[in-house]
Amino acid sequence: TAALDVRHQLTVLDLLRRTARDQGIVVAAALHDLSLAAIYANHVVCRVDAAGPATEVLTAARLRRVYRVEAELTRGADGRPRVTPLRAV
């Protein structure tokens, strides 16, 4: 649903829910929109590696460990991190 507008996101998730109910199947989905996950999922799995201020949580070491990517971190004019992915590791 990531590349869809809101209407089409809802349409797809409604279709999945209906299909699962009508056919008695389980649908596993990875949603990065936590609100949509909360609305549509019966069960949610959420892995939190760290929580806190972005300047503390978003580190090159953590991105390497959690996402397996090398990334360059810089700070914007507002002081908040900017992440530039460089390569998969």
PDB file of N, CA and C in Angstrom:
ATOM      1  N   THR A   1       0.814  -1.216   0.000  1.00  0.00           N
ATOM      2  CA  THR A   1       0.000   0.000   0.000  1.00  0.00           C
ATOM      3  C   THR A   1       0.846   1.264   0.000  1.00  0.00           C
ATOM      4  N   ALA A   2       2.154   1.129   0.142  1.00  0.00           N
ATOM      5  CA  ALA A   2       3.019   2.294   0.321  1.00  0.00           C
ATOM      6  C   ALA A   2       2.929   3.308  -0.818  1.00  0.00           C
ATOM      7  N   ALA A   3       2.768   2.844  -2.044  1.00  0.00           N
ATOM      8  CA  ALA A   3       2.760   3.766  -3.182  1.00  0.00           C
ATOM      9  C   ALA A   3       1.348   4.198  -3.567  1.00  0.00           C
ATOM     10  N   LEU A   4       0.371   3.824  -2.768  1.00  0.00           N
ATOM     11  CA  LEU A   4      -1.020   4.139  -3.096  1.00  0.00           C
ATOM     12  C   LEU A   4      -1.501   5.371  -2.359  1.00  0.00           C
ATOM     13  N   ASP A   5      -2.465   6.058  -2.958  1.00  0.00           N
ATOM     14  CA  ASP A   5      -3.095   7.165  -2.242  1.00  0.00           C
ATOM     15  C   ASP A   5      -3.991   6.569  -1.155  1.00  0.00           C
ATOM     16  N   VAL A   6      -4.471   7.412  -0.268  1.00  0.00           N
ATOM     17  CA  VAL A   6      -5.210   6.939   0.912  1.00  0.00           C
ATOM     18  C   VAL A   6      -6.436   6.113   0.527  1.00  0.00           C
ATOM     19  N   ARG A   7      -7.202   6.561  -0.458  1.00  0.00           N
ATOM     20  CA  ARG A   7      -8.403   5.828  -0.863  1.00  0.00           C
ATOM     21  C   ARG A   7      -8.052   4.414  -1.298  1.00  0.00           C
ATOM     22  N   HIS A   8      -7.008   4.272  -2.097  1.00  0.00           N
ATOM     23  CA  HIS A   8      -6.637   2.954  -2.584  1.00  0.00           C
ATOM     24  C   HIS A   8      -5.995   2.095  -1.491  1.00  0.00           C
ATOM     25  N   GLN A   9      -5.319   2.700  -0.544  1.00  0.00           N
ATOM     26  CA  GLN A   9      -4.810   1.943   0.601  1.00  0.00           C
ATOM     27  C   GLN A   9      -5.972   1.294   1.346  1.00  0.00           C
ATOM     28  N   LEU A  10      -7.007   2.093   1.617  1.00  0.00           N
ATOM     29  CA  LEU A  10      -8.174   1.575   2.330  1.00  0.00           C
ATOM     30  C   LEU A  10      -8.890   0.503   1.522  1.00  0.00           C
ATOM     31  N   THR A  11      -8.988   0.709   0.221  1.00  0.00           N
ATOM     32  CA  THR A  11      -9.633  -0.276  -0.650  1.00  0.00           C
ATOM     33  C   THR A  11      -8.905  -1.617  -0.599  1.00  0.00           C
ATOM     34  N   VAL A  12      -7.586  -1.590  -0.705  1.00  0.00           N
ATOM     35  CA  VAL A  12      -6.792  -2.821  -0.669  1.00  0.00           C
ATOM     36  C   VAL A  12      -6.926  -3.506   0.691  1.00  0.00           C
ATOM     37  N   LEU A  13      -6.822  -2.751   1.766  1.00  0.00           N
ATOM     38  CA  LEU A  13      -6.915  -3.362   3.095  1.00  0.00           C
ATOM     39  C   LEU A  13      -8.315  -3.897   3.374  1.00  0.00           C
ATOM     40  N   ASP A  14      -9.348  -3.212   2.890  1.00  0.00           N
ATOM     41  CA  ASP A  14     -10.717  -3.741   3.002  1.00  0.00           C
ATOM     42  C   ASP A  14     -10.848  -5.056   2.240  1.00  0.00           C
ATOM     43  N   LEU A  15     -10.282  -5.114   1.046  1.00  0.00           N
ATOM     44  CA  LEU A  15     -10.329  -6.335   0.236  1.00  0.00           C
ATOM     45  C   LEU A  15      -9.615  -7.483   0.944  1.00  0.00           C
ATOM     46  N   LEU A  16      -8.441  -7.202   1.507  1.00  0.00           N
ATOM     47  CA  LEU A  16      -7.712  -8.243   2.236  1.00  0.00           C
ATOM     48  C   LEU A  16      -8.501  -8.749   3.436  1.00  0.00           C
ATOM     49  N   ARG A  17      -9.105  -7.827   4.173  1.00  0.00           N
ATOM     50  CA  ARG A  17      -9.885  -8.236   5.349  1.00  0.00           C
ATOM     51  C   ARG A  17     -11.081  -9.101   4.927  1.00  0.00           C
ATOM     52  N   ARG A  18     -11.791  -8.672   3.884  1.00  0.00           N
ATOM     53  CA  ARG A  18     -12.939  -9.429   3.384  1.00  0.00           C
ATOM     54  C   ARG A  18     -12.514 -10.817   2.890  1.00  0.00           C
ATOM     55  N   THR A  19     -11.434 -10.870   2.138  1.00  0.00           N
ATOM     56  CA  THR A  19     -10.940 -12.140   1.609  1.00  0.00           C
ATOM     57  C   THR A  19     -10.554 -13.087   2.738  1.00  0.00           C
ATOM     58  N   ALA A  20      -9.856 -12.575   3.732  1.00  0.00           N
ATOM     59  CA  ALA A  20      -9.455 -13.406   4.875  1.00  0.00           C
ATOM     60  C   ALA A  20     -10.681 -13.952   5.588  1.00  0.00           C
ATOM     61  N   ARG A  21     -11.664 -13.093   5.803  1.00  0.00           N
ATOM     62  CA  ARG A  21     -12.886 -13.525   6.497  1.00  0.00           C
ATOM     63  C   ARG A  21     -13.653 -14.548   5.663  1.00  0.00           C
ATOM     64  N   ASP A  22     -13.863 -14.248   4.383  1.00  0.00           N
ATOM     65  CA  ASP A  22     -14.674 -15.115   3.527  1.00  0.00           C
ATOM     66  C   ASP A  22     -14.019 -16.454   3.249  1.00  0.00           C
ATOM     67  N   GLN A  23     -12.690 -16.472   3.139  1.00  0.00           N
ATOM     68  CA  GLN A  23     -11.992 -17.711   2.799  1.00  0.00           C
ATOM     69  C   GLN A  23     -11.360 -18.386   4.012  1.00  0.00           C
ATOM     70  N   GLY A  24     -11.469 -17.757   5.165  1.00  0.00           N
ATOM     71  CA  GLY A  24     -10.922 -18.342   6.381  1.00  0.00           C
ATOM     72  C   GLY A  24      -9.413 -18.474   6.349  1.00  0.00           C
ATOM     73  N   ILE A  25      -8.753 -17.480   5.790  1.00  0.00           N
ATOM     74  CA  ILE A  25      -7.295 -17.516   5.697  1.00  0.00           C
ATOM     75  C   ILE A  25      -6.675 -16.429   6.557  1.00  0.00           C
ATOM     76  N   VAL A  26      -5.387 -16.573   6.795  1.00  0.00           N
ATOM     77  CA  VAL A  26      -4.621 -15.583   7.543  1.00  0.00           C
ATOM     78  C   VAL A  26      -3.875 -14.712   6.542  1.00  0.00           C
ATOM     79  N   VAL A  27      -3.902 -13.429   6.770  1.00  0.00           N
ATOM     80  CA  VAL A  27      -3.140 -12.487   5.951  1.00  0.00           C
ATOM     81  C   VAL A  27      -2.064 -11.887   6.837  1.00  0.00           C
ATOM     82  N   ALA A  28      -0.828 -12.017   6.408  1.00  0.00           N
ATOM     83  CA  ALA A  28       0.288 -11.374   7.101  1.00  0.00           C
ATOM     84  C   ALA A  28       0.723 -10.200   6.248  1.00  0.00           C
ATOM     85  N   ALA A  29       0.829  -9.047   6.871  1.00  0.00           N
ATOM     86  CA  ALA A  29       1.199  -7.839   6.131  1.00  0.00           C
ATOM     87  C   ALA A  29       2.204  -7.039   6.938  1.00  0.00           C
ATOM     88  N   ALA A  30       3.135  -6.452   6.240  1.00  0.00           N
ATOM     89  CA  ALA A  30       4.084  -5.539   6.880  1.00  0.00           C
ATOM     90  C   ALA A  30       3.636  -4.127   6.530  1.00  0.00           C
ATOM     91  N   LEU A  31       3.117  -3.440   7.510  1.00  0.00           N
ATOM     92  CA  LEU A  31       2.638  -2.075   7.308  1.00  0.00           C
ATOM     93  C   LEU A  31       3.513  -1.123   8.113  1.00  0.00           C
ATOM     94  N   HIS A  32       3.941  -0.080   7.476  1.00  0.00           N
ATOM     95  CA  HIS A  32       4.729   0.921   8.177  1.00  0.00           C
ATOM     96  C   HIS A  32       3.847   2.060   8.666  1.00  0.00           C
ATOM     97  N   ASP A  33       2.606   2.083   8.230  1.00  0.00           N
ATOM     98  CA  ASP A  33       1.640   3.054   8.732  1.00  0.00           C
ATOM     99  C   ASP A  33       0.977   2.431   9.954  1.00  0.00           C
ATOM    100  N   LEU A  34       1.405   2.862  11.123  1.00  0.00           N
ATOM    101  CA  LEU A  34       0.932   2.235  12.363  1.00  0.00           C
ATOM    102  C   LEU A  34      -0.554   2.444  12.591  1.00  0.00           C
ATOM    103  N   SER A  35      -1.090   3.544  12.113  1.00  0.00           N
ATOM    104  CA  SER A  35      -2.532   3.784  12.259  1.00  0.00           C
ATOM    105  C   SER A  35      -3.326   2.773  11.448  1.00  0.00           C
ATOM    106  N   LEU A  36      -2.912   2.535  10.200  1.00  0.00           N
ATOM    107  CA  LEU A  36      -3.607   1.529   9.388  1.00  0.00           C
ATOM    108  C   LEU A  36      -3.448   0.142  10.003  1.00  0.00           C
ATOM    109  N   ALA A  37      -2.271  -0.163  10.520  1.00  0.00           N
ATOM    110  CA  ALA A  37      -2.073  -1.457  11.176  1.00  0.00           C
ATOM    111  C   ALA A  37      -3.033  -1.607  12.349  1.00  0.00           C
ATOM    112  N   ALA A  38      -3.178  -0.566  13.123  1.00  0.00           N
ATOM    113  CA  ALA A  38      -4.068  -0.623  14.285  1.00  0.00           C
ATOM    114  C   ALA A  38      -5.525  -0.788  13.876  1.00  0.00           C
ATOM    115  N   ILE A  39      -5.899  -0.197  12.755  1.00  0.00           N
ATOM    116  CA  ILE A  39      -7.285  -0.282  12.283  1.00  0.00           C
ATOM    117  C   ILE A  39      -7.597  -1.664  11.721  1.00  0.00           C
ATOM    118  N   TYR A  40      -6.683  -2.226  10.941  1.00  0.00           N
ATOM    119  CA  TYR A  40      -6.989  -3.440  10.183  1.00  0.00           C
ATOM    120  C   TYR A  40      -6.501  -4.736  10.804  1.00  0.00           C
ATOM    121  N   ALA A  41      -5.497  -4.715  11.629  1.00  0.00           N
ATOM    122  CA  ALA A  41      -4.912  -5.960  12.126  1.00  0.00           C
ATOM    123  C   ALA A  41      -5.595  -6.451  13.396  1.00  0.00           C
ATOM    124  N   ASN A  42      -5.767  -7.759  13.459  1.00  0.00           N
ATOM    125  CA  ASN A  42      -6.241  -8.370  14.703  1.00  0.00           C
ATOM    126  C   ASN A  42      -5.090  -8.534  15.686  1.00  0.00           C
ATOM    127  N   HIS A  43      -3.900  -8.764  15.159  1.00  0.00           N
ATOM    128  CA  HIS A  43      -2.697  -8.921  15.962  1.00  0.00           C
ATOM    129  C   HIS A  43      -1.594  -8.083  15.331  1.00  0.00           C
ATOM    130  N   VAL A  44      -0.811  -7.428  16.167  1.00  0.00           N
ATOM    131  CA  VAL A  44       0.278  -6.584  15.691  1.00  0.00           C
ATOM    132  C   VAL A  44       1.566  -7.019  16.374  1.00  0.00           C
ATOM    133  N   VAL A  45       2.607  -7.171  15.585  1.00  0.00           N
ATOM    134  CA  VAL A  45       3.943  -7.438  16.115  1.00  0.00           C
ATOM    135  C   VAL A  45       4.760  -6.191  15.852  1.00  0.00           C
ATOM    136  N   CYS A  46       5.358  -5.683  16.891  1.00  0.00           N
ATOM    137  CA  CYS A  46       6.133  -4.455  16.759  1.00  0.00           C
ATOM    138  C   CYS A  46       7.481  -4.658  17.423  1.00  0.00           C
ATOM    139  N   ARG A  47       8.522  -4.554  16.643  1.00  0.00           N
ATOM    140  CA  ARG A  47       9.868  -4.696  17.190  1.00  0.00           C
ATOM    141  C   ARG A  47      10.441  -3.309  17.408  1.00  0.00           C
ATOM    142  N   VAL A  48      10.721  -3.015  18.630  1.00  0.00           N
ATOM    143  CA  VAL A  48      11.327  -1.728  18.961  1.00  0.00           C
ATOM    144  C   VAL A  48      12.746  -1.999  19.446  1.00  0.00           C
ATOM    145  N   ASP A  49      13.694  -1.520  18.705  1.00  0.00           N
ATOM    146  CA  ASP A  49      15.090  -1.704  19.086  1.00  0.00           C
ATOM    147  C   ASP A  49      15.522  -0.610  20.053  1.00  0.00           C
ATOM    148  N   ALA A  50      14.971   0.569  19.855  1.00  0.00           N
ATOM    149  CA  ALA A  50      15.319   1.698  20.712  1.00  0.00           C
ATOM    150  C   ALA A  50      14.233   2.746  20.606  1.00  0.00           C
ATOM    151  N   ALA A  51      14.124   3.532  21.624  1.00  0.00           N
ATOM    152  CA  ALA A  51      13.155   4.627  21.624  1.00  0.00           C
ATOM    153  C   ALA A  51      13.776   5.816  22.314  1.00  0.00           C
ATOM    154  N   GLY A  52      13.478   6.976  21.812  1.00  0.00           N
ATOM    155  CA  GLY A  52      14.000   8.192  22.399  1.00  0.00           C
ATOM    156  C   GLY A  52      14.170   9.258  21.340  1.00  0.00           C
ATOM    157  N   PRO A  53      14.911  10.291  21.663  1.00  0.00           N
ATOM    158  CA  PRO A  53      15.128  11.368  20.698  1.00  0.00           C
ATOM    159  C   PRO A  53      15.838  10.844  19.454  1.00  0.00           C
ATOM    160  N   ALA A  54      15.433  11.337  18.296  1.00  0.00           N
ATOM    161  CA  ALA A  54      16.010  10.885  17.029  1.00  0.00           C
ATOM    162  C   ALA A  54      17.523  11.036  17.022  1.00  0.00           C
ATOM    163  N   THR A  55      18.028  12.072  17.644  1.00  0.00           N
ATOM    164  CA  THR A  55      19.478  12.294  17.649  1.00  0.00           C
ATOM    165  C   THR A  55      20.215  11.207  18.416  1.00  0.00           C
ATOM    166  N   GLU A  56      19.549  10.548  19.344  1.00  0.00           N
ATOM    167  CA  GLU A  56      20.171   9.465  20.107  1.00  0.00           C
ATOM    168  C   GLU A  56      19.902   8.094  19.497  1.00  0.00           C
ATOM    169  N   VAL A  57      18.732   7.918  18.943  1.00  0.00           N
ATOM    170  CA  VAL A  57      18.319   6.611  18.436  1.00  0.00           C
ATOM    171  C   VAL A  57      18.895   6.333  17.054  1.00  0.00           C
ATOM    172  N   LEU A  58      18.901   7.325  16.182  1.00  0.00           N
ATOM    173  CA  LEU A  58      19.384   7.117  14.812  1.00  0.00           C
ATOM    174  C   LEU A  58      20.891   7.275  14.769  1.00  0.00           C
ATOM    175  N   THR A  59      21.573   6.140  14.909  1.00  0.00           N
ATOM    176  CA  THR A  59      23.030   6.124  14.842  1.00  0.00           C
ATOM    177  C   THR A  59      23.444   5.169  13.728  1.00  0.00           C
ATOM    178  N   ALA A  60      24.636   5.380  13.193  1.00  0.00           N
ATOM    179  CA  ALA A  60      25.131   4.506  12.134  1.00  0.00           C
ATOM    180  C   ALA A  60      25.210   3.059  12.618  1.00  0.00           C
ATOM    181  N   ALA A  61      25.655   2.861  13.843  1.00  0.00           N
ATOM    182  CA  ALA A  61      25.770   1.507  14.387  1.00  0.00           C
ATOM    183  C   ALA A  61      24.408   0.829  14.496  1.00  0.00           C
ATOM    184  N   ARG A  62      23.405   1.545  14.959  1.00  0.00           N
ATOM    185  CA  ARG A  62      22.076   0.957  15.107  1.00  0.00           C
ATOM    186  C   ARG A  62      21.475   0.655  13.736  1.00  0.00           C
ATOM    187  N   LEU A  63      21.619   1.539  12.780  1.00  0.00           N
ATOM    188  CA  LEU A  63      21.083   1.298  11.440  1.00  0.00           C
ATOM    189  C   LEU A  63      21.758   0.083  10.806  1.00  0.00           C
ATOM    190  N   ARG A  64      23.047  -0.076  11.070  1.00  0.00           N
ATOM    191  CA  ARG A  64      23.768  -1.237  10.557  1.00  0.00           C
ATOM    192  C   ARG A  64      23.221  -2.511  11.192  1.00  0.00           C
ATOM    193  N   ARG A  65      23.026  -2.500  12.496  1.00  0.00           N
ATOM    194  CA  ARG A  65      22.564  -3.694  13.209  1.00  0.00           C
ATOM    195  C   ARG A  65      21.108  -4.027  12.885  1.00  0.00           C
ATOM    196  N   VAL A  66      20.231  -3.048  12.920  1.00  0.00           N
ATOM    197  CA  VAL A  66      18.801  -3.296  12.774  1.00  0.00           C
ATOM    198  C   VAL A  66      18.403  -3.471  11.308  1.00  0.00           C
ATOM    199  N   TYR A  67      18.884  -2.586  10.430  1.00  0.00           N
ATOM    200  CA  TYR A  67      18.461  -2.607   9.030  1.00  0.00           C
ATOM    201  C   TYR A  67      19.495  -3.193   8.083  1.00  0.00           C
ATOM    202  N   ARG A  68      20.696  -3.462   8.616  1.00  0.00           N
ATOM    203  CA  ARG A  68      21.787  -4.010   7.820  1.00  0.00           C
ATOM    204  C   ARG A  68      22.107  -3.112   6.628  1.00  0.00           C
ATOM    205  N   VAL A  69      22.260  -1.830   6.911  1.00  0.00           N
ATOM    206  CA  VAL A  69      22.676  -0.859   5.902  1.00  0.00           C
ATOM    207  C   VAL A  69      23.770   0.032   6.475  1.00  0.00           C
ATOM    208  N   GLU A  70      24.670   0.431   5.594  1.00  0.00           N
ATOM    209  CA  GLU A  70      25.615   1.486   5.936  1.00  0.00           C
ATOM    210  C   GLU A  70      24.915   2.784   5.579  1.00  0.00           C
ATOM    211  N   ALA A  71      24.996   3.748   6.470  1.00  0.00           N
ATOM    212  CA  ALA A  71      24.328   5.016   6.222  1.00  0.00           C
ATOM    213  C   ALA A  71      25.183   6.164   6.731  1.00  0.00           C
ATOM    214  N   GLU A  72      25.033   7.289   6.068  1.00  0.00           N
ATOM    215  CA  GLU A  72      25.698   8.509   6.511  1.00  0.00           C
ATOM    216  C   GLU A  72      24.657   9.336   7.254  1.00  0.00           C
ATOM    217  N   LEU A  73      25.010   9.763   8.446  1.00  0.00           N
ATOM    218  CA  LEU A  73      24.107  10.614   9.215  1.00  0.00           C
ATOM    219  C   LEU A  73      24.682  12.013   9.295  1.00  0.00           C
ATOM    220  N   THR A  74      23.879  12.973   8.928  1.00  0.00           N
ATOM    221  CA  THR A  74      24.248  14.377   9.040  1.00  0.00           C
ATOM    222  C   THR A  74      23.128  15.062   9.810  1.00  0.00           C
ATOM    223  N   ARG A  75      23.317  16.317  10.082  1.00  0.00           N
ATOM    224  CA  ARG A  75      22.259  17.074  10.772  1.00  0.00           C
ATOM    225  C   ARG A  75      21.779  18.195   9.879  1.00  0.00           C
ATOM    226  N   GLY A  76      20.479  18.353   9.842  1.00  0.00           N
ATOM    227  CA  GLY A  76      19.885  19.448   9.086  1.00  0.00           C
ATOM    228  C   GLY A  76      20.037  20.750   9.850  1.00  0.00           C
ATOM    229  N   ALA A  77      19.609  21.823   9.247  1.00  0.00           N
ATOM    230  CA  ALA A  77      19.675  23.138   9.884  1.00  0.00           C
ATOM    231  C   ALA A  77      18.896  23.166  11.195  1.00  0.00           C
ATOM    232  N   ASP A  78      17.909  22.292  11.313  1.00  0.00           N
ATOM    233  CA  ASP A  78      17.116  22.222  12.542  1.00  0.00           C
ATOM    234  C   ASP A  78      17.771  21.345  13.607  1.00  0.00           C
ATOM    235  N   GLY A  79      18.937  20.752  13.289  1.00  0.00           N
ATOM    236  CA  GLY A  79      19.650  19.902  14.244  1.00  0.00           C
ATOM    237  C   GLY A  79      19.206  18.456  14.242  1.00  0.00           C
ATOM    238  N   ARG A  80      18.163  18.150  13.493  1.00  0.00           N
ATOM    239  CA  ARG A  80      17.653  16.779  13.457  1.00  0.00           C
ATOM    240  C   ARG A  80      18.426  15.950  12.445  1.00  0.00           C
ATOM    241  N   PRO A  81      18.545  14.641  12.682  1.00  0.00           N
ATOM    242  CA  PRO A  81      19.319  13.783  11.801  1.00  0.00           C
ATOM    243  C   PRO A  81      18.742  13.681  10.392  1.00  0.00           C
ATOM    244  N   ARG A  82      19.632  13.562   9.440  1.00  0.00           N
ATOM    245  CA  ARG A  82      19.283  13.232   8.069  1.00  0.00           C
ATOM    246  C   ARG A  82      20.045  11.956   7.751  1.00  0.00           C
ATOM    247  N   VAL A  83      19.348  10.953   7.268  1.00  0.00           N
ATOM    248  CA  VAL A  83      19.937   9.649   7.004  1.00  0.00           C
ATOM    249  C   VAL A  83      20.054   9.454   5.499  1.00  0.00           C
ATOM    250  N   THR A  84      21.260   9.180   5.053  1.00  0.00           N
ATOM    251  CA  THR A  84      21.494   8.858   3.657  1.00  0.00           C
ATOM    252  C   THR A  84      21.981   7.418   3.572  1.00  0.00           C
ATOM    253  N   PRO A  85      21.123   6.502   3.088  1.00  0.00           N
ATOM    254  CA  PRO A  85      21.567   5.117   2.953  1.00  0.00           C
ATOM    255  C   PRO A  85      22.642   5.029   1.890  1.00  0.00           C
ATOM    256  N   LEU A  86      23.714   4.280   2.181  1.00  0.00           N
ATOM    257  CA  LEU A  86      24.822   4.161   1.248  1.00  0.00           C
ATOM    258  C   LEU A  86      24.861   2.807   0.566  1.00  0.00           C
ATOM    259  N   ARG A  87      24.677   1.727   1.363  1.00  0.00           N
ATOM    260  CA  ARG A  87      24.703   0.382   0.784  1.00  0.00           C
ATOM    261  C   ARG A  87      24.182  -0.630   1.792  1.00  0.00           C
ATOM    262  N   ALA A  88      23.729  -1.738   1.269  1.00  0.00           N
ATOM    263  CA  ALA A  88      23.321  -2.852   2.120  1.00  0.00           C
ATOM    264  C   ALA A  88      24.561  -3.602   2.578  1.00  0.00           C
ATOM    265  N   VAL A  89      24.510  -4.126   3.793  1.00  0.00           N
ATOM    266  CA  VAL A  89      25.634  -4.919   4.306  1.00  0.00           C
ATOM    267  C   VAL A  89      25.174  -6.314   4.682  1.00  0.00           C
TER     268      VAL A  89
END
